[in-house]
Amino acid sequence: MATQFDDDPIVLWPLPDMSVLQSGRRDPPKLPLELFGAAWQDWIEGAAQASACPADYVAGPLLASVWRS
């Protein structure tokens, strides 16, 4: 005889591993903006500040847009 809990997804699925949400991981390495030169470094930092995001988020698409295959 089936019970009311046979089709309950909470019973069928195990609890997720919540340890991935805990801290304890190292910070990512800092992007060396000085490699871009002074003018691009200033532009990347300004765009990152204006967008309220890390400089990496600005430099990544910038590099992708100038890449030649």
PDB file of N, CA and C in Angstrom:
ATOM      1  N   MET A   1       0.847  -1.180   0.000  1.00  0.00           N
ATOM      2  CA  MET A   1       0.000   0.000   0.000  1.00  0.00           C
ATOM      3  C   MET A   1       0.891   1.242   0.000  1.00  0.00           C
ATOM      4  N   ALA A   2       0.602   2.170  -0.883  1.00  0.00           N
ATOM      5  CA  ALA A   2       1.395   3.394  -1.014  1.00  0.00           C
ATOM      6  C   ALA A   2       1.007   4.386   0.068  1.00  0.00           C
ATOM      7  N   THR A   3       2.008   5.142   0.495  1.00  0.00           N
ATOM      8  CA  THR A   3       1.748   6.195   1.473  1.00  0.00           C
ATOM      9  C   THR A   3       1.725   7.537   0.759  1.00  0.00           C
ATOM     10  N   GLN A   4       1.340   8.551   1.464  1.00  0.00           N
ATOM     11  CA  GLN A   4       1.277   9.888   0.869  1.00  0.00           C
ATOM     12  C   GLN A   4       2.652  10.459   0.564  1.00  0.00           C
ATOM     13  N   PHE A   5       3.728   9.843   1.090  1.00  0.00           N
ATOM     14  CA  PHE A   5       5.075  10.365   0.916  1.00  0.00           C
ATOM     15  C   PHE A   5       5.836   9.700  -0.221  1.00  0.00           C
ATOM     16  N   ASP A   6       5.241   8.740  -0.923  1.00  0.00           N
ATOM     17  CA  ASP A   6       5.951   8.026  -1.975  1.00  0.00           C
ATOM     18  C   ASP A   6       6.363   8.926  -3.136  1.00  0.00           C
ATOM     19  N   ASP A   7       5.587   9.938  -3.434  1.00  0.00           N
ATOM     20  CA  ASP A   7       5.897  10.840  -4.544  1.00  0.00           C
ATOM     21  C   ASP A   7       6.448  12.180  -4.084  1.00  0.00           C
ATOM     22  N   ASP A   8       6.744  12.318  -2.819  1.00  0.00           N
ATOM     23  CA  ASP A   8       7.248  13.571  -2.270  1.00  0.00           C
ATOM     24  C   ASP A   8       8.713  13.738  -2.657  1.00  0.00           C
ATOM     25  N   PRO A   9       9.060  14.769  -3.465  1.00  0.00           N
ATOM     26  CA  PRO A   9      10.454  14.931  -3.900  1.00  0.00           C
ATOM     27  C   PRO A   9      11.414  15.164  -2.740  1.00  0.00           C
ATOM     28  N   ILE A  10      10.946  15.685  -1.646  1.00  0.00           N
ATOM     29  CA  ILE A  10      11.824  15.907  -0.504  1.00  0.00           C
ATOM     30  C   ILE A  10      12.285  14.571   0.071  1.00  0.00           C
ATOM     31  N   VAL A  11      11.449  13.604   0.021  1.00  0.00           N
ATOM     32  CA  VAL A  11      11.805  12.281   0.531  1.00  0.00           C
ATOM     33  C   VAL A  11      12.672  11.541  -0.478  1.00  0.00           C
ATOM     34  N   LEU A  12      12.438  11.741  -1.772  1.00  0.00           N
ATOM     35  CA  LEU A  12      13.150  11.007  -2.816  1.00  0.00           C
ATOM     36  C   LEU A  12      14.572  11.527  -3.044  1.00  0.00           C
ATOM     37  N   TRP A  13      14.809  12.806  -2.813  1.00  0.00           N
ATOM     38  CA  TRP A  13      16.116  13.397  -3.071  1.00  0.00           C
ATOM     39  C   TRP A  13      16.877  13.575  -1.763  1.00  0.00           C
ATOM     40  N   PRO A  14      18.187  13.299  -1.773  1.00  0.00           N
ATOM     41  CA  PRO A  14      18.972  13.558  -0.560  1.00  0.00           C
ATOM     42  C   PRO A  14      19.179  15.058  -0.377  1.00  0.00           C
ATOM     43  N   LEU A  15      19.542  15.453   0.825  1.00  0.00           N
ATOM     44  CA  LEU A  15      19.822  16.857   1.097  1.00  0.00           C
ATOM     45  C   LEU A  15      21.060  17.293   0.314  1.00  0.00           C
ATOM     46  N   PRO A  16      21.076  18.519  -0.241  1.00  0.00           N
ATOM     47  CA  PRO A  16      22.247  18.984  -0.986  1.00  0.00           C
ATOM     48  C   PRO A  16      23.440  19.229  -0.067  1.00  0.00           C
ATOM     49  N   ASP A  17      24.622  19.176  -0.653  1.00  0.00           N
ATOM     50  CA  ASP A  17      25.852  19.448   0.079  1.00  0.00           C
ATOM     51  C   ASP A  17      26.002  20.963   0.204  1.00  0.00           C
ATOM     52  N   MET A  18      25.690  21.507   1.354  1.00  0.00           N
ATOM     53  CA  MET A  18      25.727  22.953   1.561  1.00  0.00           C
ATOM     54  C   MET A  18      27.128  23.462   1.888  1.00  0.00           C
ATOM     55  N   SER A  19      28.117  22.576   1.985  1.00  0.00           N
ATOM     56  CA  SER A  19      29.476  23.006   2.316  1.00  0.00           C
ATOM     57  C   SER A  19      30.082  23.878   1.220  1.00  0.00           C
ATOM     58  N   VAL A  20      29.559  23.798   0.002  1.00  0.00           N
ATOM     59  CA  VAL A  20      30.102  24.630  -1.074  1.00  0.00           C
ATOM     60  C   VAL A  20      29.815  26.106  -0.854  1.00  0.00           C
ATOM     61  N   LEU A  21      28.859  26.424   0.006  1.00  0.00           N
ATOM     62  CA  LEU A  21      28.524  27.815   0.281  1.00  0.00           C
ATOM     63  C   LEU A  21      29.365  28.425   1.387  1.00  0.00           C
ATOM     64  N   GLN A  22      30.118  27.599   2.075  1.00  0.00           N
ATOM     65  CA  GLN A  22      30.918  28.101   3.184  1.00  0.00           C
ATOM     66  C   GLN A  22      32.198  28.724   2.672  1.00  0.00           C
ATOM     67  N   SER A  23      32.713  29.655   3.440  1.00  0.00           N
ATOM     68  CA  SER A  23      33.980  30.263   3.060  1.00  0.00           C
ATOM     69  C   SER A  23      35.106  29.286   3.374  1.00  0.00           C
ATOM     70  N   GLY A  24      36.276  29.696   3.182  1.00  0.00           N
ATOM     71  CA  GLY A  24      37.424  28.827   3.402  1.00  0.00           C
ATOM     72  C   GLY A  24      38.221  28.664   2.120  1.00  0.00           C
ATOM     73  N   ARG A  25      37.683  29.211   1.043  1.00  0.00           N
ATOM     74  CA  ARG A  25      38.421  29.159  -0.207  1.00  0.00           C
ATOM     75  C   ARG A  25      39.334  30.371  -0.304  1.00  0.00           C
ATOM     76  N   ARG A  26      40.406  30.219  -1.023  1.00  0.00           N
ATOM     77  CA  ARG A  26      41.331  31.332  -1.218  1.00  0.00           C
ATOM     78  C   ARG A  26      40.712  32.368  -2.152  1.00  0.00           C
ATOM     79  N   ASP A  27      41.142  33.610  -2.015  1.00  0.00           N
ATOM     80  CA  ASP A  27      40.728  34.649  -2.941  1.00  0.00           C
ATOM     81  C   ASP A  27      41.382  34.390  -4.289  1.00  0.00           C
ATOM     82  N   PRO A  28      40.725  34.760  -5.389  1.00  0.00           N
ATOM     83  CA  PRO A  28      41.354  34.584  -6.699  1.00  0.00           C
ATOM     84  C   PRO A  28      42.545  35.521  -6.834  1.00  0.00           C
ATOM     85  N   PRO A  29      43.481  35.190  -7.700  1.00  0.00           N
ATOM     86  CA  PRO A  29      44.633  36.080  -7.881  1.00  0.00           C
ATOM     87  C   PRO A  29      44.185  37.416  -8.478  1.00  0.00           C
ATOM     88  N   LYS A  30      44.885  38.470  -8.118  1.00  0.00           N
ATOM     89  CA  LYS A  30      44.568  39.812  -8.617  1.00  0.00           C
ATOM     90  C   LYS A  30      45.071  39.947 -10.051  1.00  0.00           C
ATOM     91  N   LEU A  31      44.238  40.515 -10.897  1.00  0.00           N
ATOM     92  CA  LEU A  31      44.608  40.749 -12.290  1.00  0.00           C
ATOM     93  C   LEU A  31      45.680  41.835 -12.349  1.00  0.00           C
ATOM     94  N   PRO A  32      46.831  41.557 -12.962  1.00  0.00           N
ATOM     95  CA  PRO A  32      47.895  42.577 -13.028  1.00  0.00           C
ATOM     96  C   PRO A  32      47.572  43.635 -14.093  1.00  0.00           C
ATOM     97  N   LEU A  33      46.851  44.667 -13.681  1.00  0.00           N
ATOM     98  CA  LEU A  33      46.411  45.694 -14.625  1.00  0.00           C
ATOM     99  C   LEU A  33      47.571  46.475 -15.232  1.00  0.00           C
ATOM    100  N   GLU A  34      48.708  46.479 -14.569  1.00  0.00           N
ATOM    101  CA  GLU A  34      49.854  47.215 -15.107  1.00  0.00           C
ATOM    102  C   GLU A  34      50.316  46.636 -16.448  1.00  0.00           C
ATOM    103  N   LEU A  35      49.948  45.410 -16.752  1.00  0.00           N
ATOM    104  CA  LEU A  35      50.316  44.805 -18.030  1.00  0.00           C
ATOM    105  C   LEU A  35      49.595  45.454 -19.210  1.00  0.00           C
ATOM    106  N   PHE A  36      48.505  46.149 -18.943  1.00  0.00           N
ATOM    107  CA  PHE A  36      47.732  46.798 -19.994  1.00  0.00           C
ATOM    108  C   PHE A  36      48.291  48.170 -20.370  1.00  0.00           C
ATOM    109  N   GLY A  37      49.218  48.684 -19.608  1.00  0.00           N
ATOM    110  CA  GLY A  37      49.728  50.030 -19.840  1.00  0.00           C
ATOM    111  C   GLY A  37      48.894  51.042 -19.069  1.00  0.00           C
ATOM    112  N   ALA A  38      49.448  52.219 -18.880  1.00  0.00           N
ATOM    113  CA  ALA A  38      48.825  53.229 -18.020  1.00  0.00           C
ATOM    114  C   ALA A  38      47.455  53.685 -18.529  1.00  0.00           C
ATOM    115  N   ALA A  39      47.336  53.933 -19.825  1.00  0.00           N
ATOM    116  CA  ALA A  39      46.071  54.440 -20.368  1.00  0.00           C
ATOM    117  C   ALA A  39      44.954  53.407 -20.226  1.00  0.00           C
ATOM    118  N   TRP A  40      45.237  52.158 -20.620  1.00  0.00           N
ATOM    119  CA  TRP A  40      44.210  51.113 -20.516  1.00  0.00           C
ATOM    120  C   TRP A  40      43.926  50.763 -19.059  1.00  0.00           C
ATOM    121  N   GLN A  41      44.936  50.807 -18.234  1.00  0.00           N
ATOM    122  CA  GLN A  41      44.727  50.529 -16.811  1.00  0.00           C
ATOM    123  C   GLN A  41      43.742  51.535 -16.215  1.00  0.00           C
ATOM    124  N   ASP A  42      43.937  52.810 -16.515  1.00  0.00           N
ATOM    125  CA  ASP A  42      43.019  53.844 -16.018  1.00  0.00           C
ATOM    126  C   ASP A  42      41.606  53.623 -16.552  1.00  0.00           C
ATOM    127  N   TRP A  43      41.502  53.274 -17.845  1.00  0.00           N
ATOM    128  CA  TRP A  43      40.191  53.063 -18.449  1.00  0.00           C
ATOM    129  C   TRP A  43      39.481  51.858 -17.816  1.00  0.00           C
ATOM    130  N   ILE A  44      40.213  50.755 -17.636  1.00  0.00           N
ATOM    131  CA  ILE A  44      39.634  49.551 -17.036  1.00  0.00           C
ATOM    132  C   ILE A  44      39.181  49.837 -15.610  1.00  0.00           C
ATOM    133  N   GLU A  45      40.028  50.500 -14.828  1.00  0.00           N
ATOM    134  CA  GLU A  45      39.660  50.812 -13.448  1.00  0.00           C
ATOM    135  C   GLU A  45      38.443  51.739 -13.390  1.00  0.00           C
ATOM    136  N   GLY A  46      38.389  52.731 -14.273  1.00  0.00           N
ATOM    137  CA  GLY A  46      37.249  53.643 -14.307  1.00  0.00           C
ATOM    138  C   GLY A  46      35.962  52.940 -14.710  1.00  0.00           C
ATOM    139  N   ALA A  47      36.053  52.089 -15.729  1.00  0.00           N
ATOM    140  CA  ALA A  47      34.867  51.347 -16.180  1.00  0.00           C
ATOM    141  C   ALA A  47      34.399  50.370 -15.109  1.00  0.00           C
ATOM    142  N   ALA A  48      35.337  49.748 -14.409  1.00  0.00           N
ATOM    143  CA  ALA A  48      34.969  48.820 -13.336  1.00  0.00           C
ATOM    144  C   ALA A  48      34.297  49.556 -12.188  1.00  0.00           C
ATOM    145  N   GLN A  49      34.825  50.701 -11.833  1.00  0.00           N
ATOM    146  CA  GLN A  49      34.233  51.487 -10.751  1.00  0.00           C
ATOM    147  C   GLN A  49      32.839  51.970 -11.153  1.00  0.00           C
ATOM    148  N   ALA A  50      32.682  52.415 -12.386  1.00  0.00           N
ATOM    149  CA  ALA A  50      31.384  52.896 -12.854  1.00  0.00           C
ATOM    150  C   ALA A  50      30.360  51.767 -12.925  1.00  0.00           C
ATOM    151  N   SER A  51      30.829  50.553 -13.160  1.00  0.00           N
ATOM    152  CA  SER A  51      29.935  49.397 -13.261  1.00  0.00           C
ATOM    153  C   SER A  51      29.766  48.665 -11.944  1.00  0.00           C
ATOM    154  N   ALA A  52      30.482  49.103 -10.916  1.00  0.00           N
ATOM    155  CA  ALA A  52      30.444  48.446  -9.599  1.00  0.00           C
ATOM    156  C   ALA A  52      30.777  46.961  -9.719  1.00  0.00           C
ATOM    157  N   CYS A  53      31.871  46.678 -10.423  1.00  0.00           N
ATOM    158  CA  CYS A  53      32.308  45.297 -10.587  1.00  0.00           C
ATOM    159  C   CYS A  53      33.830  45.242 -10.531  1.00  0.00           C
ATOM    160  N   PRO A  54      34.403  44.054 -10.366  1.00  0.00           N
ATOM    161  CA  PRO A  54      35.860  43.944 -10.372  1.00  0.00           C
ATOM    162  C   PRO A  54      36.442  44.286 -11.748  1.00  0.00           C
ATOM    163  N   ALA A  55      37.671  44.714 -11.764  1.00  0.00           N
ATOM    164  CA  ALA A  55      38.338  45.065 -13.015  1.00  0.00           C
ATOM    165  C   ALA A  55      38.422  43.872 -13.958  1.00  0.00           C
ATOM    166  N   ASP A  56      38.471  42.672 -13.407  1.00  0.00           N
ATOM    167  CA  ASP A  56      38.525  41.462 -14.237  1.00  0.00           C
ATOM    168  C   ASP A  56      37.317  41.379 -15.166  1.00  0.00           C
ATOM    169  N   TYR A  57      36.151  41.823 -14.679  1.00  0.00           N
ATOM    170  CA  TYR A  57      34.925  41.737 -15.456  1.00  0.00           C
ATOM    171  C   TYR A  57      34.929  42.710 -16.627  1.00  0.00           C
ATOM    172  N   VAL A  58      35.746  43.729 -16.552  1.00  0.00           N
ATOM    173  CA  VAL A  58      35.880  44.683 -17.649  1.00  0.00           C
ATOM    174  C   VAL A  58      36.995  44.234 -18.589  1.00  0.00           C
ATOM    175  N   ALA A  59      38.102  43.770 -18.041  1.00  0.00           N
ATOM    176  CA  ALA A  59      39.264  43.402 -18.850  1.00  0.00           C
ATOM    177  C   ALA A  59      39.012  42.151 -19.689  1.00  0.00           C
ATOM    178  N   GLY A  60      38.251  41.203 -19.162  1.00  0.00           N
ATOM    179  CA  GLY A  60      37.980  39.963 -19.901  1.00  0.00           C
ATOM    180  C   GLY A  60      37.295  40.219 -21.236  1.00  0.00           C
ATOM    181  N   PRO A  61      36.150  40.897 -21.242  1.00  0.00           N
ATOM    182  CA  PRO A  61      35.506  41.199 -22.524  1.00  0.00           C
ATOM    183  C   PRO A  61      36.342  42.121 -23.416  1.00  0.00           C
ATOM    184  N   LEU A  62      37.111  43.010 -22.809  1.00  0.00           N
ATOM    185  CA  LEU A  62      37.989  43.881 -23.593  1.00  0.00           C
ATOM    186  C   LEU A  62      39.002  43.036 -24.361  1.00  0.00           C
ATOM    187  N   LEU A  63      39.621  42.090 -23.681  1.00  0.00           N
ATOM    188  CA  LEU A  63      40.586  41.209 -24.347  1.00  0.00           C
ATOM    189  C   LEU A  63      39.912  40.365 -25.422  1.00  0.00           C
ATOM    190  N   ALA A  64      38.718  39.871 -25.134  1.00  0.00           N
ATOM    191  CA  ALA A  64      38.005  39.052 -26.130  1.00  0.00           C
ATOM    192  C   ALA A  64      37.648  39.861 -27.366  1.00  0.00           C
ATOM    193  N   SER A  65      37.377  41.152 -27.202  1.00  0.00           N
ATOM    194  CA  SER A  65      36.967  41.972 -28.348  1.00  0.00           C
ATOM    195  C   SER A  65      38.135  42.337 -29.255  1.00  0.00           C
ATOM    196  N   VAL A  66      39.339  42.289 -28.759  1.00  0.00           N
ATOM    197  CA  VAL A  66      40.494  42.646 -29.591  1.00  0.00           C
ATOM    198  C   VAL A  66      41.283  41.432 -30.064  1.00  0.00           C
ATOM    199  N   TRP A  67      40.859  40.257 -29.671  1.00  0.00           N
ATOM    200  CA  TRP A  67      41.572  39.034 -30.036  1.00  0.00           C
ATOM    201  C   TRP A  67      41.403  38.785 -31.532  1.00  0.00           C
ATOM    202  N   ARG A  68      42.481  38.451 -32.193  1.00  0.00           N
ATOM    203  CA  ARG A  68      42.437  38.109 -33.618  1.00  0.00           C
ATOM    204  C   ARG A  68      42.734  36.627 -33.780  1.00  0.00           C
ATOM    205  N   SER A  69      41.989  36.003 -34.632  1.00  0.00           N
ATOM    206  CA  SER A  69      42.268  34.570 -34.860  1.00  0.00           C
ATOM    207  C   SER A  69      43.092  34.365 -36.107  1.00  0.00           C
TER     208      SER A  69
END
